Amino acid sequence: MTSATDLRSRLIRIVIESADGELTNGDLAKADYSLLALNYSSLSYMRLIDAVENDLGVYLDPEADTDRFATVDGILGLIADSGGVTA
């Protein structure tokens, strides 16, 4: 079982890695964990979706609930809704 804090930390790591060195945890915190505010690129989103599937075993449909992809918390909600990871 993965705690909510552990899952959030893992997702933040994935978000940062998917940005290919263009982003830090500090940048995310300053933007209140909004990927839109940071102009997260479409390529970074595709990397993120792929990494979530590979690392967490959760498929995220990039065309469903697109508004929820705007923030780390929104993506956490998508992961929790999938039932693939117990948060």
PDB file of N, CA and C in Angstrom:
ATOM      1  N   MET A   1       0.846  -1.184   0.000  1.00  0.00           N
ATOM      2  CA  MET A   1       0.000   0.000   0.000  1.00  0.00           C
ATOM      3  C   MET A   1       0.884   1.236   0.000  1.00  0.00           C
ATOM      4  N   THR A   2       0.570   2.188  -0.831  1.00  0.00           N
ATOM      5  CA  THR A   2       1.332   3.418  -0.954  1.00  0.00           C
ATOM      6  C   THR A   2       0.594   4.523  -0.224  1.00  0.00           C
ATOM      7  N   SER A   3       1.312   5.245   0.633  1.00  0.00           N
ATOM      8  CA  SER A   3       0.667   6.354   1.335  1.00  0.00           C
ATOM      9  C   SER A   3       0.467   7.508   0.362  1.00  0.00           C
ATOM     10  N   ALA A   4      -0.467   8.391   0.692  1.00  0.00           N
ATOM     11  CA  ALA A   4      -0.740   9.550  -0.153  1.00  0.00           C
ATOM     12  C   ALA A   4       0.505  10.423  -0.292  1.00  0.00           C
ATOM     13  N   THR A   5       1.275  10.562   0.777  1.00  0.00           N
ATOM     14  CA  THR A   5       2.494  11.367   0.742  1.00  0.00           C
ATOM     15  C   THR A   5       3.528  10.731  -0.181  1.00  0.00           C
ATOM     16  N   ASP A   6       3.690   9.409  -0.074  1.00  0.00           N
ATOM     17  CA  ASP A   6       4.635   8.706  -0.942  1.00  0.00           C
ATOM     18  C   ASP A   6       4.228   8.823  -2.409  1.00  0.00           C
ATOM     19  N   LEU A   7       2.958   8.660  -2.681  1.00  0.00           N
ATOM     20  CA  LEU A   7       2.460   8.754  -4.048  1.00  0.00           C
ATOM     21  C   LEU A   7       2.691  10.155  -4.605  1.00  0.00           C
ATOM     22  N   ARG A   8       2.407  11.174  -3.801  1.00  0.00           N
ATOM     23  CA  ARG A   8       2.616  12.559  -4.240  1.00  0.00           C
ATOM     24  C   ARG A   8       4.094  12.804  -4.533  1.00  0.00           C
ATOM     25  N   SER A   9       4.974  12.306  -3.678  1.00  0.00           N
ATOM     26  CA  SER A   9       6.418  12.460  -3.887  1.00  0.00           C
ATOM     27  C   SER A   9       6.866  11.763  -5.160  1.00  0.00           C
ATOM     28  N   ARG A  10       6.348  10.575  -5.382  1.00  0.00           N
ATOM     29  CA  ARG A  10       6.687   9.838  -6.607  1.00  0.00           C
ATOM     30  C   ARG A  10       6.197  10.582  -7.841  1.00  0.00           C
ATOM     31  N   LEU A  11       4.980  11.120  -7.776  1.00  0.00           N
ATOM     32  CA  LEU A  11       4.445  11.848  -8.916  1.00  0.00           C
ATOM     33  C   LEU A  11       5.253  13.114  -9.168  1.00  0.00           C
ATOM     34  N   ILE A  12       5.620  13.840  -8.128  1.00  0.00           N
ATOM     35  CA  ILE A  12       6.431  15.055  -8.308  1.00  0.00           C
ATOM     36  C   ILE A  12       7.761  14.704  -8.966  1.00  0.00           C
ATOM     37  N   ARG A  13       8.372  13.601  -8.542  1.00  0.00           N
ATOM     38  CA  ARG A  13       9.622  13.162  -9.174  1.00  0.00           C
ATOM     39  C   ARG A  13       9.397  12.883 -10.659  1.00  0.00           C
ATOM     40  N   ILE A  14       8.297  12.218 -10.986  1.00  0.00           N
ATOM     41  CA  ILE A  14       7.969  11.918 -12.376  1.00  0.00           C
ATOM     42  C   ILE A  14       7.740  13.205 -13.167  1.00  0.00           C
ATOM     43  N   VAL A  15       7.016  14.155 -12.585  1.00  0.00           N
ATOM     44  CA  VAL A  15       6.752  15.436 -13.248  1.00  0.00           C
ATOM     45  C   VAL A  15       8.070  16.141 -13.574  1.00  0.00           C
ATOM     46  N   ILE A  16       8.976  16.182 -12.617  1.00  0.00           N
ATOM     47  CA  ILE A  16      10.260  16.857 -12.813  1.00  0.00           C
ATOM     48  C   ILE A  16      11.090  16.132 -13.867  1.00  0.00           C
ATOM     49  N   GLU A  17      11.190  14.826 -13.769  1.00  0.00           N
ATOM     50  CA  GLU A  17      11.965  14.050 -14.746  1.00  0.00           C
ATOM     51  C   GLU A  17      11.384  14.173 -16.150  1.00  0.00           C
ATOM     52  N   SER A  18      10.076  14.255 -16.252  1.00  0.00           N
ATOM     53  CA  SER A  18       9.427  14.350 -17.557  1.00  0.00           C
ATOM     54  C   SER A  18       9.661  15.694 -18.221  1.00  0.00           C
ATOM     55  N   ALA A  19      10.023  16.686 -17.434  1.00  0.00           N
ATOM     56  CA  ALA A  19      10.301  18.019 -17.980  1.00  0.00           C
ATOM     57  C   ALA A  19      11.726  18.121 -18.514  1.00  0.00           C
ATOM     58  N   ASP A  20      12.470  17.024 -18.446  1.00  0.00           N
ATOM     59  CA  ASP A  20      13.805  16.936 -19.042  1.00  0.00           C
ATOM     60  C   ASP A  20      14.766  18.017 -18.522  1.00  0.00           C
ATOM     61  N   GLY A  21      14.766  18.175 -17.183  1.00  0.00           N
ATOM     62  CA  GLY A  21      15.701  19.109 -16.563  1.00  0.00           C
ATOM     63  C   GLY A  21      15.290  20.570 -16.591  1.00  0.00           C
ATOM     64  N   GLU A  22      14.110  20.852 -17.087  1.00  0.00           N
ATOM     65  CA  GLU A  22      13.639  22.225 -17.209  1.00  0.00           C
ATOM     66  C   GLU A  22      12.908  22.713 -15.959  1.00  0.00           C
ATOM     67  N   LEU A  23      12.786  21.862 -14.953  1.00  0.00           N
ATOM     68  CA  LEU A  23      11.907  22.139 -13.827  1.00  0.00           C
ATOM     69  C   LEU A  23      12.511  21.595 -12.540  1.00  0.00           C
ATOM     70  N   THR A  24      12.295  22.319 -11.445  1.00  0.00           N
ATOM     71  CA  THR A  24      12.744  21.847 -10.134  1.00  0.00           C
ATOM     72  C   THR A  24      11.548  21.765  -9.191  1.00  0.00           C
ATOM     73  N   ASN A  25      11.759  21.113  -8.056  1.00  0.00           N
ATOM     74  CA  ASN A  25      10.705  21.051  -7.045  1.00  0.00           C
ATOM     75  C   ASN A  25      10.358  22.464  -6.580  1.00  0.00           C
ATOM     76  N   GLY A  26      11.354  23.325  -6.476  1.00  0.00           N
ATOM     77  CA  GLY A  26      11.111  24.717  -6.094  1.00  0.00           C
ATOM     78  C   GLY A  26      10.218  25.436  -7.090  1.00  0.00           C
ATOM     79  N   ASP A  27      10.455  25.197  -8.380  1.00  0.00           N
ATOM     80  CA  ASP A  27       9.606  25.796  -9.419  1.00  0.00           C
ATOM     81  C   ASP A  27       8.159  25.345  -9.250  1.00  0.00           C
ATOM     82  N   LEU A  28       7.984  24.044  -9.011  1.00  0.00           N
ATOM     83  CA  LEU A  28       6.633  23.502  -8.816  1.00  0.00           C
ATOM     84  C   LEU A  28       5.953  24.141  -7.606  1.00  0.00           C
ATOM     85  N   ALA A  29       6.686  24.239  -6.508  1.00  0.00           N
ATOM     86  CA  ALA A  29       6.111  24.811  -5.281  1.00  0.00           C
ATOM     87  C   ALA A  29       5.720  26.268  -5.495  1.00  0.00           C
ATOM     88  N   LYS A  30       6.571  27.036  -6.150  1.00  0.00           N
ATOM     89  CA  LYS A  30       6.267  28.460  -6.407  1.00  0.00           C
ATOM     90  C   LYS A  30       5.018  28.616  -7.268  1.00  0.00           C
ATOM     91  N   ALA A  31       4.793  27.664  -8.159  1.00  0.00           N
ATOM     92  CA  ALA A  31       3.628  27.709  -9.051  1.00  0.00           C
ATOM     93  C   ALA A  31       2.424  27.001  -8.442  1.00  0.00           C
ATOM     94  N   ASP A  32       2.497  26.697  -7.156  1.00  0.00           N
ATOM     95  CA  ASP A  32       1.426  25.991  -6.448  1.00  0.00           C
ATOM     96  C   ASP A  32       1.098  24.660  -7.136  1.00  0.00           C
ATOM     97  N   TYR A  33       2.132  24.012  -7.657  1.00  0.00           N
ATOM     98  CA  TYR A  33       2.037  22.702  -8.298  1.00  0.00           C
ATOM     99  C   TYR A  33       1.111  22.704  -9.520  1.00  0.00           C
ATOM    100  N   SER A  34       1.050  23.867 -10.183  1.00  0.00           N
ATOM    101  CA  SER A  34       0.277  23.998 -11.415  1.00  0.00           C
ATOM    102  C   SER A  34       1.203  23.825 -12.615  1.00  0.00           C
ATOM    103  N   LEU A  35       0.956  22.807 -13.404  1.00  0.00           N
ATOM    104  CA  LEU A  35       1.766  22.583 -14.588  1.00  0.00           C
ATOM    105  C   LEU A  35       1.442  23.593 -15.672  1.00  0.00           C
ATOM    106  N   LEU A  36       0.210  24.052 -15.701  1.00  0.00           N
ATOM    107  CA  LEU A  36      -0.168  25.086 -16.670  1.00  0.00           C
ATOM    108  C   LEU A  36       0.585  26.380 -16.408  1.00  0.00           C
ATOM    109  N   ALA A  37       0.702  26.741 -15.148  1.00  0.00           N
ATOM    110  CA  ALA A  37       1.402  27.982 -14.798  1.00  0.00           C
ATOM    111  C   ALA A  37       2.869  27.921 -15.202  1.00  0.00           C
ATOM    112  N   LEU A  38       3.415  26.716 -15.285  1.00  0.00           N
ATOM    113  CA  LEU A  38       4.818  26.533 -15.648  1.00  0.00           C
ATOM    114  C   LEU A  38       5.007  26.275 -17.142  1.00  0.00           C
ATOM    115  N   ASN A  39       3.928  26.362 -17.897  1.00  0.00           N
ATOM    116  CA  ASN A  39       3.983  26.094 -19.339  1.00  0.00           C
ATOM    117  C   ASN A  39       4.595  24.728 -19.637  1.00  0.00           C
ATOM    118  N   TYR A  40       4.143  23.734 -18.899  1.00  0.00           N
ATOM    119  CA  TYR A  40       4.584  22.354 -19.093  1.00  0.00           C
ATOM    120  C   TYR A  40       4.293  21.964 -20.532  1.00  0.00           C
ATOM    121  N   SER A  41       5.271  21.472 -21.245  1.00  0.00           N
ATOM    122  CA  SER A  41       5.116  21.224 -22.679  1.00  0.00           C
ATOM    123  C   SER A  41       4.311  19.959 -22.965  1.00  0.00           C
ATOM    124  N   SER A  42       3.795  19.887 -24.181  1.00  0.00           N
ATOM    125  CA  SER A  42       3.035  18.705 -24.578  1.00  0.00           C
ATOM    126  C   SER A  42       3.937  17.470 -24.582  1.00  0.00           C
ATOM    127  N   LEU A  43       5.201  17.621 -24.945  1.00  0.00           N
ATOM    128  CA  LEU A  43       6.138  16.502 -24.900  1.00  0.00           C
ATOM    129  C   LEU A  43       6.343  16.043 -23.459  1.00  0.00           C
ATOM    130  N   SER A  44       6.430  16.991 -22.526  1.00  0.00           N
ATOM    131  CA  SER A  44       6.571  16.634 -21.107  1.00  0.00           C
ATOM    132  C   SER A  44       5.346  15.886 -20.614  1.00  0.00           C
ATOM    133  N   TYR A  45       4.153  16.318 -21.050  1.00  0.00           N
ATOM    134  CA  TYR A  45       2.930  15.607 -20.660  1.00  0.00           C
ATOM    135  C   TYR A  45       2.938  14.165 -21.176  1.00  0.00           C
ATOM    136  N   MET A  46       3.388  13.974 -22.407  1.00  0.00           N
ATOM    137  CA  MET A  46       3.423  12.615 -22.968  1.00  0.00           C
ATOM    138  C   MET A  46       4.426  11.758 -22.194  1.00  0.00           C
ATOM    139  N   ARG A  47       5.565  12.345 -21.842  1.00  0.00           N
ATOM    140  CA  ARG A  47       6.540  11.612 -21.028  1.00  0.00           C
ATOM    141  C   ARG A  47       5.954  11.274 -19.660  1.00  0.00           C
ATOM    142  N   LEU A  48       5.234  12.231 -19.086  1.00  0.00           N
ATOM    143  CA  LEU A  48       4.604  12.037 -17.783  1.00  0.00           C
ATOM    144  C   LEU A  48       3.608  10.883 -17.824  1.00  0.00           C
ATOM    145  N   ILE A  49       2.744  10.886 -18.804  1.00  0.00           N
ATOM    146  CA  ILE A  49       1.732   9.838 -18.937  1.00  0.00           C
ATOM    147  C   ILE A  49       2.401   8.477 -19.093  1.00  0.00           C
ATOM    148  N   ASP A  50       3.446   8.415 -19.901  1.00  0.00           N
ATOM    149  CA  ASP A  50       4.177   7.169 -20.099  1.00  0.00           C
ATOM    150  C   ASP A  50       4.858   6.720 -18.805  1.00  0.00           C
ATOM    151  N   ALA A  51       5.481   7.641 -18.091  1.00  0.00           N
ATOM    152  CA  ALA A  51       6.179   7.300 -16.839  1.00  0.00           C
ATOM    153  C   ALA A  51       5.203   6.855 -15.759  1.00  0.00           C
ATOM    154  N   VAL A  52       4.034   7.485 -15.679  1.00  0.00           N
ATOM    155  CA  VAL A  52       3.031   7.065 -14.696  1.00  0.00           C
ATOM    156  C   VAL A  52       2.603   5.630 -14.989  1.00  0.00           C
ATOM    157  N   GLU A  53       2.418   5.324 -16.256  1.00  0.00           N
ATOM    158  CA  GLU A  53       2.026   3.958 -16.609  1.00  0.00           C
ATOM    159  C   GLU A  53       3.141   2.965 -16.270  1.00  0.00           C
ATOM    160  N   ASN A  54       4.377   3.316 -16.604  1.00  0.00           N
ATOM    161  CA  ASN A  54       5.506   2.404 -16.357  1.00  0.00           C
ATOM    162  C   ASN A  54       5.849   2.286 -14.873  1.00  0.00           C
ATOM    163  N   ASP A  55       5.879   3.399 -14.167  1.00  0.00           N
ATOM    164  CA  ASP A  55       6.314   3.408 -12.766  1.00  0.00           C
ATOM    165  C   ASP A  55       5.213   3.034 -11.778  1.00  0.00           C
ATOM    166  N   LEU A  56       3.994   3.442 -12.076  1.00  0.00           N
ATOM    167  CA  LEU A  56       2.895   3.238 -11.135  1.00  0.00           C
ATOM    168  C   LEU A  56       1.891   2.198 -11.612  1.00  0.00           C
ATOM    169  N   GLY A  57       2.011   1.780 -12.862  1.00  0.00           N
ATOM    170  CA  GLY A  57       1.082   0.786 -13.387  1.00  0.00           C
ATOM    171  C   GLY A  57      -0.318   1.323 -13.620  1.00  0.00           C
ATOM    172  N   VAL A  58      -0.405   2.638 -13.867  1.00  0.00           N
ATOM    173  CA  VAL A  58      -1.702   3.289 -14.040  1.00  0.00           C
ATOM    174  C   VAL A  58      -1.758   3.926 -15.422  1.00  0.00           C
ATOM    175  N   TYR A  59      -2.765   3.568 -16.204  1.00  0.00           N
ATOM    176  CA  TYR A  59      -2.959   4.189 -17.509  1.00  0.00           C
ATOM    177  C   TYR A  59      -3.781   5.458 -17.328  1.00  0.00           C
ATOM    178  N   LEU A  60      -3.248   6.572 -17.832  1.00  0.00           N
ATOM    179  CA  LEU A  60      -3.967   7.840 -17.831  1.00  0.00           C
ATOM    180  C   LEU A  60      -4.311   8.180 -19.276  1.00  0.00           C
ATOM    181  N   ASP A  61      -5.594   8.342 -19.556  1.00  0.00           N
ATOM    182  CA  ASP A  61      -6.039   8.699 -20.902  1.00  0.00           C
ATOM    183  C   ASP A  61      -5.811  10.194 -21.105  1.00  0.00           C
ATOM    184  N   PRO A  62      -4.932  10.571 -22.037  1.00  0.00           N
ATOM    185  CA  PRO A  62      -4.618  11.984 -22.219  1.00  0.00           C
ATOM    186  C   PRO A  62      -5.777  12.827 -22.753  1.00  0.00           C
ATOM    187  N   GLU A  63      -6.820  12.162 -23.226  1.00  0.00           N
ATOM    188  CA  GLU A  63      -7.962  12.898 -23.765  1.00  0.00           C
ATOM    189  C   GLU A  63      -9.145  12.951 -22.807  1.00  0.00           C
ATOM    190  N   ALA A  64      -9.037  12.283 -21.673  1.00  0.00           N
ATOM    191  CA  ALA A  64     -10.125  12.278 -20.689  1.00  0.00           C
ATOM    192  C   ALA A  64      -9.768  13.216 -19.544  1.00  0.00           C
ATOM    193  N   ASP A  65     -10.730  13.967 -19.071  1.00  0.00           N
ATOM    194  CA  ASP A  65     -10.521  14.867 -17.926  1.00  0.00           C
ATOM    195  C   ASP A  65      -9.284  15.737 -18.097  1.00  0.00           C
ATOM    196  N   THR A  66      -9.150  16.369 -19.247  1.00  0.00           N
ATOM    197  CA  THR A  66      -7.944  17.148 -19.537  1.00  0.00           C
ATOM    198  C   THR A  66      -7.700  18.258 -18.528  1.00  0.00           C
ATOM    199  N   ASP A  67      -8.734  18.804 -17.930  1.00  0.00           N
ATOM    200  CA  ASP A  67      -8.557  19.867 -16.931  1.00  0.00           C
ATOM    201  C   ASP A  67      -7.788  19.361 -15.714  1.00  0.00           C
ATOM    202  N   ARG A  68      -7.928  18.085 -15.417  1.00  0.00           N
ATOM    203  CA  ARG A  68      -7.260  17.520 -14.236  1.00  0.00           C
ATOM    204  C   ARG A  68      -5.760  17.349 -14.443  1.00  0.00           C
ATOM    205  N   PHE A  69      -5.306  17.426 -15.682  1.00  0.00           N
ATOM    206  CA  PHE A  69      -3.875  17.345 -15.965  1.00  0.00           C
ATOM    207  C   PHE A  69      -3.168  18.672 -15.697  1.00  0.00           C
ATOM    208  N   ALA A  70      -3.895  19.697 -15.283  1.00  0.00           N
ATOM    209  CA  ALA A  70      -3.315  21.024 -15.073  1.00  0.00           C
ATOM    210  C   ALA A  70      -2.466  21.119 -13.813  1.00  0.00           C
ATOM    211  N   THR A  71      -2.732  20.245 -12.834  1.00  0.00           N
ATOM    212  CA  THR A  71      -2.017  20.334 -11.558  1.00  0.00           C
ATOM    213  C   THR A  71      -1.580  18.956 -11.085  1.00  0.00           C
ATOM    214  N   VAL A  72      -0.604  18.953 -10.194  1.00  0.00           N
ATOM    215  CA  VAL A  72      -0.159  17.706  -9.586  1.00  0.00           C
ATOM    216  C   VAL A  72      -1.325  17.047  -8.845  1.00  0.00           C
ATOM    217  N   ASP A  73      -2.090  17.834  -8.094  1.00  0.00           N
ATOM    218  CA  ASP A  73      -3.219  17.263  -7.347  1.00  0.00           C
ATOM    219  C   ASP A  73      -4.293  16.694  -8.270  1.00  0.00           C
ATOM    220  N   GLY A  74      -4.508  17.336  -9.416  1.00  0.00           N
ATOM    221  CA  GLY A  74      -5.467  16.808 -10.382  1.00  0.00           C
ATOM    222  C   GLY A  74      -5.027  15.463 -10.925  1.00  0.00           C
ATOM    223  N   ILE A  75      -3.738  15.336 -11.209  1.00  0.00           N
ATOM    224  CA  ILE A  75      -3.201  14.073 -11.708  1.00  0.00           C
ATOM    225  C   ILE A  75      -3.268  13.010 -10.611  1.00  0.00           C
ATOM    226  N   LEU A  76      -2.997  13.395  -9.376  1.00  0.00           N
ATOM    227  CA  LEU A  76      -3.145  12.457  -8.251  1.00  0.00           C
ATOM    228  C   LEU A  76      -4.576  11.934  -8.194  1.00  0.00           C
ATOM    229  N   GLY A  77      -5.541  12.805  -8.408  1.00  0.00           N
ATOM    230  CA  GLY A  77      -6.941  12.399  -8.429  1.00  0.00           C
ATOM    231  C   GLY A  77      -7.234  11.406  -9.529  1.00  0.00           C
ATOM    232  N   LEU A  78      -6.653  11.625 -10.708  1.00  0.00           N
ATOM    233  CA  LEU A  78      -6.825  10.688 -11.810  1.00  0.00           C
ATOM    234  C   LEU A  78      -6.248   9.320 -11.455  1.00  0.00           C
ATOM    235  N   ILE A  79      -5.075   9.335 -10.820  1.00  0.00           N
ATOM    236  CA  ILE A  79      -4.433   8.082 -10.412  1.00  0.00           C
ATOM    237  C   ILE A  79      -5.309   7.355  -9.384  1.00  0.00           C
ATOM    238  N   ALA A  80      -5.798   8.103  -8.395  1.00  0.00           N
ATOM    239  CA  ALA A  80      -6.649   7.506  -7.368  1.00  0.00           C
ATOM    240  C   ALA A  80      -7.942   6.953  -7.973  1.00  0.00           C
ATOM    241  N   ASP A  81      -8.524   7.694  -8.914  1.00  0.00           N
ATOM    242  CA  ASP A  81      -9.765   7.252  -9.569  1.00  0.00           C
ATOM    243  C   ASP A  81      -9.567   5.973 -10.383  1.00  0.00           C
ATOM    244  N   SER A  82      -8.339   5.776 -10.864  1.00  0.00           N
ATOM    245  CA  SER A  82      -8.057   4.604 -11.689  1.00  0.00           C
ATOM    246  C   SER A  82      -8.083   3.320 -10.875  1.00  0.00           C
ATOM    247  N   GLY A  83      -7.863   3.464  -9.567  1.00  0.00           N
ATOM    248  CA  GLY A  83      -7.812   2.296  -8.700  1.00  0.00           C
ATOM    249  C   GLY A  83      -6.537   1.488  -8.841  1.00  0.00           C
ATOM    250  N   GLY A  84      -5.607   1.969  -9.684  1.00  0.00           N
ATOM    251  CA  GLY A  84      -4.381   1.229  -9.918  1.00  0.00           C
ATOM    252  C   GLY A  84      -3.376   1.307  -8.780  1.00  0.00           C
ATOM    253  N   VAL A  85      -3.435   2.364  -7.995  1.00  0.00           N
ATOM    254  CA  VAL A  85      -2.528   2.552  -6.867  1.00  0.00           C
ATOM    255  C   VAL A  85      -3.369   2.910  -5.679  1.00  0.00           C
ATOM    256  N   THR A  86      -3.142   2.276  -4.578  1.00  0.00           N
ATOM    257  CA  THR A  86      -3.869   2.592  -3.364  1.00  0.00           C
ATOM    258  C   THR A  86      -3.188   3.753  -2.671  1.00  0.00           C
ATOM    259  N   ALA A  87      -3.910   4.858  -2.567  1.00  0.00           N
ATOM    260  CA  ALA A  87      -3.337   6.056  -1.950  1.00  0.00           C
ATOM    261  C   ALA A  87      -3.856   6.236  -0.551  1.00  0.00           C
TER     262      ALA A  87
END
